[in-house]
Amino acid sequence: ATFPDLPASLFEPTTAMAANQGIYNL
């Protein structure tokens, strides 16, 4: 919902990458 321009199928396989970026931001 936040990134509607990205395909919805992209979010599940990139979960670990997003979490890694989240740790950097933390």
mmCIF file of all heavy atoms, coordinates in Angstrom:
data_MODEL
# 
_entry.id   MODEL 
# 
loop_
_atom_site.group_PDB 
_atom_site.id 
_atom_site.type_symbol 
_atom_site.label_atom_id 
_atom_site.label_alt_id 
_atom_site.label_comp_id 
_atom_site.label_asym_id 
_atom_site.label_entity_id 
_atom_site.label_seq_id 
_atom_site.pdbx_PDB_ins_code 
_atom_site.Cartn_x 
_atom_site.Cartn_y 
_atom_site.Cartn_z 
_atom_site.occupancy 
_atom_site.B_iso_or_equiv 
_atom_site.pdbx_formal_charge 
_atom_site.auth_seq_id 
_atom_site.auth_comp_id 
_atom_site.auth_asym_id 
_atom_site.auth_atom_id 
_atom_site.pdbx_PDB_model_num 
ATOM 1   N N   . ALA A 1 1  ? 0.830  -1.211  0.000  1.00 0.00 ? 1  ALA A N   1 
ATOM 2   C CA  . ALA A 1 1  ? 0.000  0.000   0.000  1.00 0.00 ? 1  ALA A CA  1 
ATOM 3   C C   . ALA A 1 1  ? 0.865  1.261   0.000  1.00 0.00 ? 1  ALA A C   1 
ATOM 4   O O   . ALA A 1 1  ? 0.503  2.272   -0.597 1.00 0.00 ? 1  ALA A O   1 
ATOM 5   C CB  . ALA A 1 1  ? -0.922 -0.001  1.218  1.00 0.00 ? 1  ALA A CB  1 
ATOM 6   N N   . THR A 1 2  ? 2.009  1.189   0.654  1.00 0.00 ? 2  THR A N   1 
ATOM 7   C CA  . THR A 1 2  ? 2.897  2.352   0.743  1.00 0.00 ? 2  THR A CA  1 
ATOM 8   C C   . THR A 1 2  ? 3.641  2.587   -0.573 1.00 0.00 ? 2  THR A C   1 
ATOM 9   O O   . THR A 1 2  ? 3.898  3.731   -0.944 1.00 0.00 ? 2  THR A O   1 
ATOM 10  C CB  . THR A 1 2  ? 3.909  2.151   1.883  1.00 0.00 ? 2  THR A CB  1 
ATOM 11  O OG1 . THR A 1 2  ? 3.186  1.907   3.099  1.00 0.00 ? 2  THR A OG1 1 
ATOM 12  C CG2 . THR A 1 2  ? 4.790  3.372   2.072  1.00 0.00 ? 2  THR A CG2 1 
ATOM 13  N N   . PHE A 1 3  ? 3.972  1.508   -1.244 1.00 0.00 ? 3  PHE A N   1 
ATOM 14  C CA  . PHE A 1 3  ? 4.697  1.588   -2.523 1.00 0.00 ? 3  PHE A CA  1 
ATOM 15  C C   . PHE A 1 3  ? 3.874  0.938   -3.626 1.00 0.00 ? 3  PHE A C   1 
ATOM 16  O O   . PHE A 1 3  ? 4.227  -0.138  -4.133 1.00 0.00 ? 3  PHE A O   1 
ATOM 17  C CB  . PHE A 1 3  ? 6.068  0.903   -2.397 1.00 0.00 ? 3  PHE A CB  1 
ATOM 18  C CG  . PHE A 1 3  ? 6.941  1.465   -1.331 1.00 0.00 ? 3  PHE A CG  1 
ATOM 19  C CD1 . PHE A 1 3  ? 7.113  0.794   -0.121 1.00 0.00 ? 3  PHE A CD1 1 
ATOM 20  C CD2 . PHE A 1 3  ? 7.600  2.673   -1.508 1.00 0.00 ? 3  PHE A CD2 1 
ATOM 21  C CE1 . PHE A 1 3  ? 7.920  1.307   0.880  1.00 0.00 ? 3  PHE A CE1 1 
ATOM 22  C CE2 . PHE A 1 3  ? 8.408  3.200   -0.513 1.00 0.00 ? 3  PHE A CE2 1 
ATOM 23  C CZ  . PHE A 1 3  ? 8.565  2.520   0.692  1.00 0.00 ? 3  PHE A CZ  1 
ATOM 24  N N   . PRO A 1 4  ? 2.783  1.574   -4.038 1.00 0.00 ? 4  PRO A N   1 
ATOM 25  C CA  . PRO A 1 4  ? 1.882  0.940   -5.017 1.00 0.00 ? 4  PRO A CA  1 
ATOM 26  C C   . PRO A 1 4  ? 2.503  0.767   -6.403 1.00 0.00 ? 4  PRO A C   1 
ATOM 27  O O   . PRO A 1 4  ? 1.997  -0.029  -7.200 1.00 0.00 ? 4  PRO A O   1 
ATOM 28  C CB  . PRO A 1 4  ? 0.685  1.896   -5.062 1.00 0.00 ? 4  PRO A CB  1 
ATOM 29  C CG  . PRO A 1 4  ? 1.222  3.213   -4.613 1.00 0.00 ? 4  PRO A CG  1 
ATOM 30  C CD  . PRO A 1 4  ? 2.325  2.900   -3.645 1.00 0.00 ? 4  PRO A CD  1 
ATOM 31  N N   . ASP A 1 5  ? 3.582  1.483   -6.701 1.00 0.00 ? 5  ASP A N   1 
ATOM 32  C CA  . ASP A 1 5  ? 4.225  1.337   -8.007 1.00 0.00 ? 5  ASP A CA  1 
ATOM 33  C C   . ASP A 1 5  ? 5.035  0.048   -8.117 1.00 0.00 ? 5  ASP A C   1 
ATOM 34  O O   . ASP A 1 5  ? 5.395  -0.361  -9.221 1.00 0.00 ? 5  ASP A O   1 
ATOM 35  C CB  . ASP A 1 5  ? 5.136  2.537   -8.293 1.00 0.00 ? 5  ASP A CB  1 
ATOM 36  C CG  . ASP A 1 5  ? 4.353  3.833   -8.460 1.00 0.00 ? 5  ASP A CG  1 
ATOM 37  O OD1 . ASP A 1 5  ? 3.127  3.757   -8.698 1.00 0.00 ? 5  ASP A OD1 1 
ATOM 38  O OD2 . ASP A 1 5  ? 4.961  4.910   -8.345 1.00 0.00 ? 5  ASP A OD2 1 
ATOM 39  N N   . LEU A 1 6  ? 5.323  -0.570  -6.982 1.00 0.00 ? 6  LEU A N   1 
ATOM 40  C CA  . LEU A 1 6  ? 6.078  -1.824  -6.996 1.00 0.00 ? 6  LEU A CA  1 
ATOM 41  C C   . LEU A 1 6  ? 5.111  -2.999  -7.086 1.00 0.00 ? 6  LEU A C   1 
ATOM 42  O O   . LEU A 1 6  ? 4.034  -2.964  -6.490 1.00 0.00 ? 6  LEU A O   1 
ATOM 43  C CB  . LEU A 1 6  ? 6.926  -1.955  -5.725 1.00 0.00 ? 6  LEU A CB  1 
ATOM 44  C CG  . LEU A 1 6  ? 8.007  -0.896  -5.517 1.00 0.00 ? 6  LEU A CG  1 
ATOM 45  C CD1 . LEU A 1 6  ? 8.699  -1.105  -4.172 1.00 0.00 ? 6  LEU A CD1 1 
ATOM 46  C CD2 . LEU A 1 6  ? 9.022  -0.926  -6.638 1.00 0.00 ? 6  LEU A CD2 1 
ATOM 47  N N   . PRO A 1 7  ? 5.497  -4.044  -7.777 1.00 0.00 ? 7  PRO A N   1 
ATOM 48  C CA  . PRO A 1 7  ? 4.619  -5.222  -7.849 1.00 0.00 ? 7  PRO A CA  1 
ATOM 49  C C   . PRO A 1 7  ? 4.459  -5.851  -6.462 1.00 0.00 ? 7  PRO A C   1 
ATOM 50  O O   . PRO A 1 7  ? 5.432  -5.993  -5.714 1.00 0.00 ? 7  PRO A O   1 
ATOM 51  C CB  . PRO A 1 7  ? 5.351  -6.178  -8.788 1.00 0.00 ? 7  PRO A CB  1 
ATOM 52  C CG  . PRO A 1 7  ? 6.545  -5.469  -9.289 1.00 0.00 ? 7  PRO A CG  1 
ATOM 53  C CD  . PRO A 1 7  ? 6.709  -4.192  -8.554 1.00 0.00 ? 7  PRO A CD  1 
ATOM 54  N N   . ALA A 1 8  ? 3.234  -6.244  -6.120 1.00 0.00 ? 8  ALA A N   1 
ATOM 55  C CA  . ALA A 1 8  ? 2.953  -6.842  -4.805 1.00 0.00 ? 8  ALA A CA  1 
ATOM 56  C C   . ALA A 1 8  ? 3.766  -8.115  -4.592 1.00 0.00 ? 8  ALA A C   1 
ATOM 57  O O   . ALA A 1 8  ? 4.130  -8.441  -3.458 1.00 0.00 ? 8  ALA A O   1 
ATOM 58  C CB  . ALA A 1 8  ? 1.461  -7.115  -4.669 1.00 0.00 ? 8  ALA A CB  1 
ATOM 59  N N   . SER A 1 9  ? 4.086  -8.797  -5.661 1.00 0.00 ? 9  SER A N   1 
ATOM 60  C CA  . SER A 1 9  ? 4.854  -10.041 -5.554 1.00 0.00 ? 9  SER A CA  1 
ATOM 61  C C   . SER A 1 9  ? 6.303  -9.795  -5.114 1.00 0.00 ? 9  SER A C   1 
ATOM 62  O O   . SER A 1 9  ? 7.010  -10.736 -4.739 1.00 0.00 ? 9  SER A O   1 
ATOM 63  C CB  . SER A 1 9  ? 4.849  -10.780 -6.886 1.00 0.00 ? 9  SER A CB  1 
ATOM 64  O OG  . SER A 1 9  ? 5.469  -9.985  -7.891 1.00 0.00 ? 9  SER A OG  1 
ATOM 65  N N   . LEU A 1 10 ? 6.742  -8.564  -5.120 1.00 0.00 ? 10 LEU A N   1 
ATOM 66  C CA  . LEU A 1 10 ? 8.117  -8.222  -4.760 1.00 0.00 ? 10 LEU A CA  1 
ATOM 67  C C   . LEU A 1 10 ? 8.345  -8.235  -3.248 1.00 0.00 ? 10 LEU A C   1 
ATOM 68  O O   . LEU A 1 10 ? 9.467  -8.456  -2.793 1.00 0.00 ? 10 LEU A O   1 
ATOM 69  C CB  . LEU A 1 10 ? 8.445  -6.827  -5.321 1.00 0.00 ? 10 LEU A CB  1 
ATOM 70  C CG  . LEU A 1 10 ? 9.829  -6.273  -5.055 1.00 0.00 ? 10 LEU A CG  1 
ATOM 71  C CD1 . LEU A 1 10 ? 10.846 -7.025  -5.904 1.00 0.00 ? 10 LEU A CD1 1 
ATOM 72  C CD2 . LEU A 1 10 ? 9.864  -4.799  -5.394 1.00 0.00 ? 10 LEU A CD2 1 
ATOM 73  N N   . PHE A 1 11 ? 7.311  -8.023  -2.455 1.00 0.00 ? 11 PHE A N   1 
ATOM 74  C CA  . PHE A 1 11 ? 7.495  -7.787  -1.029 1.00 0.00 ? 11 PHE A CA  1 
ATOM 75  C C   . PHE A 1 11 ? 7.894  -9.035  -0.248 1.00 0.00 ? 11 PHE A C   1 
ATOM 76  O O   . PHE A 1 11 ? 8.768  -8.952  0.619  1.00 0.00 ? 11 PHE A O   1 
ATOM 77  C CB  . PHE A 1 11 ? 6.255  -7.109  -0.442 1.00 0.00 ? 11 PHE A CB  1 
ATOM 78  C CG  . PHE A 1 11 ? 6.133  -5.703  -0.934 1.00 0.00 ? 11 PHE A CG  1 
ATOM 79  C CD1 . PHE A 1 11 ? 5.409  -5.410  -2.083 1.00 0.00 ? 11 PHE A CD1 1 
ATOM 80  C CD2 . PHE A 1 11 ? 6.802  -4.669  -0.301 1.00 0.00 ? 11 PHE A CD2 1 
ATOM 81  C CE1 . PHE A 1 11 ? 5.340  -4.128  -2.571 1.00 0.00 ? 11 PHE A CE1 1 
ATOM 82  C CE2 . PHE A 1 11 ? 6.738  -3.379  -0.778 1.00 0.00 ? 11 PHE A CE2 1 
ATOM 83  C CZ  . PHE A 1 11 ? 6.000  -3.099  -1.922 1.00 0.00 ? 11 PHE A CZ  1 
ATOM 84  N N   . GLU A 1 12 ? 7.301  -10.164 -0.551 1.00 0.00 ? 12 GLU A N   1 
ATOM 85  C CA  . GLU A 1 12 ? 7.672  -11.378 0.195  1.00 0.00 ? 12 GLU A CA  1 
ATOM 86  C C   . GLU A 1 12 ? 9.131  -11.771 -0.019 1.00 0.00 ? 12 GLU A C   1 
ATOM 87  O O   . GLU A 1 12 ? 9.851  -12.003 0.949  1.00 0.00 ? 12 GLU A O   1 
ATOM 88  C CB  . GLU A 1 12 ? 6.745  -12.536 -0.145 1.00 0.00 ? 12 GLU A CB  1 
ATOM 89  C CG  . GLU A 1 12 ? 7.026  -13.755 0.717  1.00 0.00 ? 12 GLU A CG  1 
ATOM 90  C CD  . GLU A 1 12 ? 6.074  -14.892 0.432  1.00 0.00 ? 12 GLU A CD  1 
ATOM 91  O OE1 . GLU A 1 12 ? 5.000  -14.666 -0.156 1.00 0.00 ? 12 GLU A OE1 1 
ATOM 92  O OE2 . GLU A 1 12 ? 6.425  -16.022 0.808  1.00 0.00 ? 12 GLU A OE2 1 
ATOM 93  N N   . PRO A 1 13 ? 9.629  -11.812 -1.257 1.00 0.00 ? 13 PRO A N   1 
ATOM 94  C CA  . PRO A 1 13 ? 11.027 -12.224 -1.427 1.00 0.00 ? 13 PRO A CA  1 
ATOM 95  C C   . PRO A 1 13 ? 12.045 -11.192 -0.937 1.00 0.00 ? 13 PRO A C   1 
ATOM 96  O O   . PRO A 1 13 ? 13.227 -11.516 -0.789 1.00 0.00 ? 13 PRO A O   1 
ATOM 97  C CB  . PRO A 1 13 ? 11.167 -12.464 -2.931 1.00 0.00 ? 13 PRO A CB  1 
ATOM 98  C CG  . PRO A 1 13 ? 10.006 -11.816 -3.570 1.00 0.00 ? 13 PRO A CG  1 
ATOM 99  C CD  . PRO A 1 13 ? 8.935  -11.694 -2.542 1.00 0.00 ? 13 PRO A CD  1 
ATOM 100 N N   . THR A 1 14 ? 11.625 -9.968  -0.691 1.00 0.00 ? 14 THR A N   1 
ATOM 101 C CA  . THR A 1 14 ? 12.571 -8.932  -0.235 1.00 0.00 ? 14 THR A CA  1 
ATOM 102 C C   . THR A 1 14 ? 12.417 -8.630  1.257  1.00 0.00 ? 14 THR A C   1 
ATOM 103 O O   . THR A 1 14 ? 12.978 -7.644  1.744  1.00 0.00 ? 14 THR A O   1 
ATOM 104 C CB  . THR A 1 14 ? 12.400 -7.643  -1.051 1.00 0.00 ? 14 THR A CB  1 
ATOM 105 O OG1 . THR A 1 14 ? 11.060 -7.165  -0.896 1.00 0.00 ? 14 THR A OG1 1 
ATOM 106 C CG2 . THR A 1 14 ? 12.731 -7.855  -2.515 1.00 0.00 ? 14 THR A CG2 1 
ATOM 107 N N   . THR A 1 15 ? 11.702 -9.469  1.978  1.00 0.00 ? 15 THR A N   1 
ATOM 108 C CA  . THR A 1 15 ? 11.472 -9.228  3.404  1.00 0.00 ? 15 THR A CA  1 
ATOM 109 C C   . THR A 1 15 ? 12.782 -9.180  4.190  1.00 0.00 ? 15 THR A C   1 
ATOM 110 O O   . THR A 1 15 ? 12.976 -8.292  5.024  1.00 0.00 ? 15 THR A O   1 
ATOM 111 C CB  . THR A 1 15 ? 10.537 -10.307 3.987  1.00 0.00 ? 15 THR A CB  1 
ATOM 112 O OG1 . THR A 1 15 ? 9.292  -10.215 3.306  1.00 0.00 ? 15 THR A OG1 1 
ATOM 113 C CG2 . THR A 1 15 ? 10.307 -10.106 5.462  1.00 0.00 ? 15 THR A CG2 1 
ATOM 114 N N   . ALA A 1 16 ? 13.680 -10.106 3.940  1.00 0.00 ? 16 ALA A N   1 
ATOM 115 C CA  . ALA A 1 16 ? 14.952 -10.121 4.671  1.00 0.00 ? 16 ALA A CA  1 
ATOM 116 C C   . ALA A 1 16 ? 15.777 -8.874  4.359  1.00 0.00 ? 16 ALA A C   1 
ATOM 117 O O   . ALA A 1 16 ? 16.410 -8.302  5.252  1.00 0.00 ? 16 ALA A O   1 
ATOM 118 C CB  . ALA A 1 16 ? 15.741 -11.384 4.331  1.00 0.00 ? 16 ALA A CB  1 
ATOM 119 N N   . MET A 1 17 ? 15.770 -8.441  3.104  1.00 0.00 ? 17 MET A N   1 
ATOM 120 C CA  . MET A 1 17 ? 16.504 -7.236  2.729  1.00 0.00 ? 17 MET A CA  1 
ATOM 121 C C   . MET A 1 17 ? 15.929 -6.004  3.434  1.00 0.00 ? 17 MET A C   1 
ATOM 122 O O   . MET A 1 17 ? 16.662 -5.174  3.956  1.00 0.00 ? 17 MET A O   1 
ATOM 123 C CB  . MET A 1 17 ? 16.447 -7.027  1.215  1.00 0.00 ? 17 MET A CB  1 
ATOM 124 C CG  . MET A 1 17 ? 17.183 -5.790  0.750  1.00 0.00 ? 17 MET A CG  1 
ATOM 125 S SD  . MET A 1 17 ? 16.707 -5.274  -0.912 1.00 0.00 ? 17 MET A SD  1 
ATOM 126 C CE  . MET A 1 17 ? 15.049 -4.717  -0.650 1.00 0.00 ? 17 MET A CE  1 
ATOM 127 N N   . ALA A 1 18 ? 14.603 -5.908  3.469  1.00 0.00 ? 18 ALA A N   1 
ATOM 128 C CA  . ALA A 1 18 ? 13.965 -4.772  4.129  1.00 0.00 ? 18 ALA A CA  1 
ATOM 129 C C   . ALA A 1 18 ? 14.265 -4.780  5.631  1.00 0.00 ? 18 ALA A C   1 
ATOM 130 O O   . ALA A 1 18 ? 14.514 -3.727  6.225  1.00 0.00 ? 18 ALA A O   1 
ATOM 131 C CB  . ALA A 1 18 ? 12.458 -4.795  3.880  1.00 0.00 ? 18 ALA A CB  1 
ATOM 132 N N   . ALA A 1 19 ? 14.260 -5.961  6.232  1.00 0.00 ? 19 ALA A N   1 
ATOM 133 C CA  . ALA A 1 19 ? 14.575 -6.062  7.657  1.00 0.00 ? 19 ALA A CA  1 
ATOM 134 C C   . ALA A 1 19 ? 16.022 -5.642  7.911  1.00 0.00 ? 19 ALA A C   1 
ATOM 135 O O   . ALA A 1 19 ? 16.318 -4.964  8.897  1.00 0.00 ? 19 ALA A O   1 
ATOM 136 C CB  . ALA A 1 19 ? 14.327 -7.482  8.151  1.00 0.00 ? 19 ALA A CB  1 
ATOM 137 N N   . ASN A 1 20 ? 16.925 -6.032  7.019  1.00 0.00 ? 20 ASN A N   1 
ATOM 138 C CA  . ASN A 1 20 ? 18.325 -5.634  7.150  1.00 0.00 ? 20 ASN A CA  1 
ATOM 139 C C   . ASN A 1 20 ? 18.464 -4.113  7.083  1.00 0.00 ? 20 ASN A C   1 
ATOM 140 O O   . ASN A 1 20 ? 19.184 -3.504  7.876  1.00 0.00 ? 20 ASN A O   1 
ATOM 141 C CB  . ASN A 1 20 ? 19.154 -6.305  6.055  1.00 0.00 ? 20 ASN A CB  1 
ATOM 142 C CG  . ASN A 1 20 ? 20.631 -6.104  6.256  1.00 0.00 ? 20 ASN A CG  1 
ATOM 143 O OD1 . ASN A 1 20 ? 21.155 -6.331  7.335  1.00 0.00 ? 20 ASN A OD1 1 
ATOM 144 N ND2 . ASN A 1 20 ? 21.312 -5.680  5.198  1.00 0.00 ? 20 ASN A ND2 1 
ATOM 145 N N   . GLN A 1 21 ? 17.756 -3.496  6.151  1.00 0.00 ? 21 GLN A N   1 
ATOM 146 C CA  . GLN A 1 21 ? 17.779 -2.033  6.071  1.00 0.00 ? 21 GLN A CA  1 
ATOM 147 C C   . GLN A 1 21 ? 17.162 -1.418  7.325  1.00 0.00 ? 21 GLN A C   1 
ATOM 148 O O   . GLN A 1 21 ? 17.607 -0.369  7.801  1.00 0.00 ? 21 GLN A O   1 
ATOM 149 C CB  . GLN A 1 21 ? 17.032 -1.562  4.826  1.00 0.00 ? 21 GLN A CB  1 
ATOM 150 C CG  . GLN A 1 21 ? 17.761 -1.882  3.554  1.00 0.00 ? 21 GLN A CG  1 
ATOM 151 C CD  . GLN A 1 21 ? 16.964 -1.483  2.318  1.00 0.00 ? 21 GLN A CD  1 
ATOM 152 O OE1 . GLN A 1 21 ? 15.784 -1.179  2.377  1.00 0.00 ? 21 GLN A OE1 1 
ATOM 153 N NE2 . GLN A 1 21 ? 17.630 -1.495  1.177  1.00 0.00 ? 21 GLN A NE2 1 
ATOM 154 N N   . GLY A 1 22 ? 16.137 -2.088  7.853  1.00 0.00 ? 22 GLY A N   1 
ATOM 155 C CA  . GLY A 1 22 ? 15.526 -1.617  9.089  1.00 0.00 ? 22 GLY A CA  1 
ATOM 156 C C   . GLY A 1 22 ? 16.509 -1.616  10.246 1.00 0.00 ? 22 GLY A C   1 
ATOM 157 O O   . GLY A 1 22 ? 16.524 -0.691  11.062 1.00 0.00 ? 22 GLY A O   1 
ATOM 158 N N   . ILE A 1 23 ? 17.345 -2.645  10.309 1.00 0.00 ? 23 ILE A N   1 
ATOM 159 C CA  . ILE A 1 23 ? 18.354 -2.702  11.378 1.00 0.00 ? 23 ILE A CA  1 
ATOM 160 C C   . ILE A 1 23 ? 19.343 -1.543  11.236 1.00 0.00 ? 23 ILE A C   1 
ATOM 161 O O   . ILE A 1 23 ? 19.725 -0.919  12.223 1.00 0.00 ? 23 ILE A O   1 
ATOM 162 C CB  . ILE A 1 23 ? 19.085 -4.066  11.368 1.00 0.00 ? 23 ILE A CB  1 
ATOM 163 C CG1 . ILE A 1 23 ? 18.115 -5.184  11.742 1.00 0.00 ? 23 ILE A CG1 1 
ATOM 164 C CG2 . ILE A 1 23 ? 20.298 -4.052  12.283 1.00 0.00 ? 23 ILE A CG2 1 
ATOM 165 C CD1 . ILE A 1 23 ? 17.549 -5.105  13.145 1.00 0.00 ? 23 ILE A CD1 1 
ATOM 166 N N   . TYR A 1 24 ? 19.747 -1.230  10.022 1.00 0.00 ? 24 TYR A N   1 
ATOM 167 C CA  . TYR A 1 24 ? 20.641 -0.080  9.815  1.00 0.00 ? 24 TYR A CA  1 
ATOM 168 C C   . TYR A 1 24 ? 19.978 1.209   10.306 1.00 0.00 ? 24 TYR A C   1 
ATOM 169 O O   . TYR A 1 24 ? 20.606 2.034   10.970 1.00 0.00 ? 24 TYR A O   1 
ATOM 170 C CB  . TYR A 1 24 ? 21.022 0.068   8.335  1.00 0.00 ? 24 TYR A CB  1 
ATOM 171 C CG  . TYR A 1 24 ? 22.118 -0.853  7.904  1.00 0.00 ? 24 TYR A CG  1 
ATOM 172 C CD1 . TYR A 1 24 ? 21.833 -2.020  7.206  1.00 0.00 ? 24 TYR A CD1 1 
ATOM 173 C CD2 . TYR A 1 24 ? 23.440 -0.567  8.191  1.00 0.00 ? 24 TYR A CD2 1 
ATOM 174 C CE1 . TYR A 1 24 ? 22.844 -2.876  6.811  1.00 0.00 ? 24 TYR A CE1 1 
ATOM 175 C CE2 . TYR A 1 24 ? 24.456 -1.413  7.795  1.00 0.00 ? 24 TYR A CE2 1 
ATOM 176 C CZ  . TYR A 1 24 ? 24.162 -2.569  7.107  1.00 0.00 ? 24 TYR A CZ  1 
ATOM 177 O OH  . TYR A 1 24 ? 25.157 -3.408  6.718  1.00 0.00 ? 24 TYR A OH  1 
ATOM 178 N N   . ASN A 1 25 ? 18.718 1.379   9.994  1.00 0.00 ? 25 ASN A N   1 
ATOM 179 C CA  . ASN A 1 25 ? 18.010 2.575   10.442 1.00 0.00 ? 25 ASN A CA  1 
ATOM 180 C C   . ASN A 1 25 ? 17.851 2.592   11.955 1.00 0.00 ? 25 ASN A C   1 
ATOM 181 O O   . ASN A 1 25 ? 17.917 3.653   12.580 1.00 0.00 ? 25 ASN A O   1 
ATOM 182 C CB  . ASN A 1 25 ? 16.650 2.675   9.742  1.00 0.00 ? 25 ASN A CB  1 
ATOM 183 C CG  . ASN A 1 25 ? 16.812 3.209   8.339  1.00 0.00 ? 25 ASN A CG  1 
ATOM 184 O OD1 . ASN A 1 25 ? 17.003 4.391   8.142  1.00 0.00 ? 25 ASN A OD1 1 
ATOM 185 N ND2 . ASN A 1 25 ? 16.763 2.321   7.360  1.00 0.00 ? 25 ASN A ND2 1 
ATOM 186 N N   . LEU A 1 26 ? 17.661 1.427   12.546 1.00 0.00 ? 26 LEU A N   1 
ATOM 187 C CA  . LEU A 1 26 ? 17.591 1.335   14.003 1.00 0.00 ? 26 LEU A CA  1 
ATOM 188 C C   . LEU A 1 26 ? 18.918 1.759   14.631 1.00 0.00 ? 26 LEU A C   1 
ATOM 189 O O   . LEU A 1 26 ? 18.938 2.473   15.644 1.00 0.00 ? 26 LEU A O   1 
ATOM 190 C CB  . LEU A 1 26 ? 17.230 -0.093  14.414 1.00 0.00 ? 26 LEU A CB  1 
ATOM 191 C CG  . LEU A 1 26 ? 17.004 -0.339  15.897 1.00 0.00 ? 26 LEU A CG  1 
ATOM 192 C CD1 . LEU A 1 26 ? 15.827 0.480   16.415 1.00 0.00 ? 26 LEU A CD1 1 
ATOM 193 C CD2 . LEU A 1 26 ? 16.765 -1.822  16.136 1.00 0.00 ? 26 LEU A CD2 1 
# 
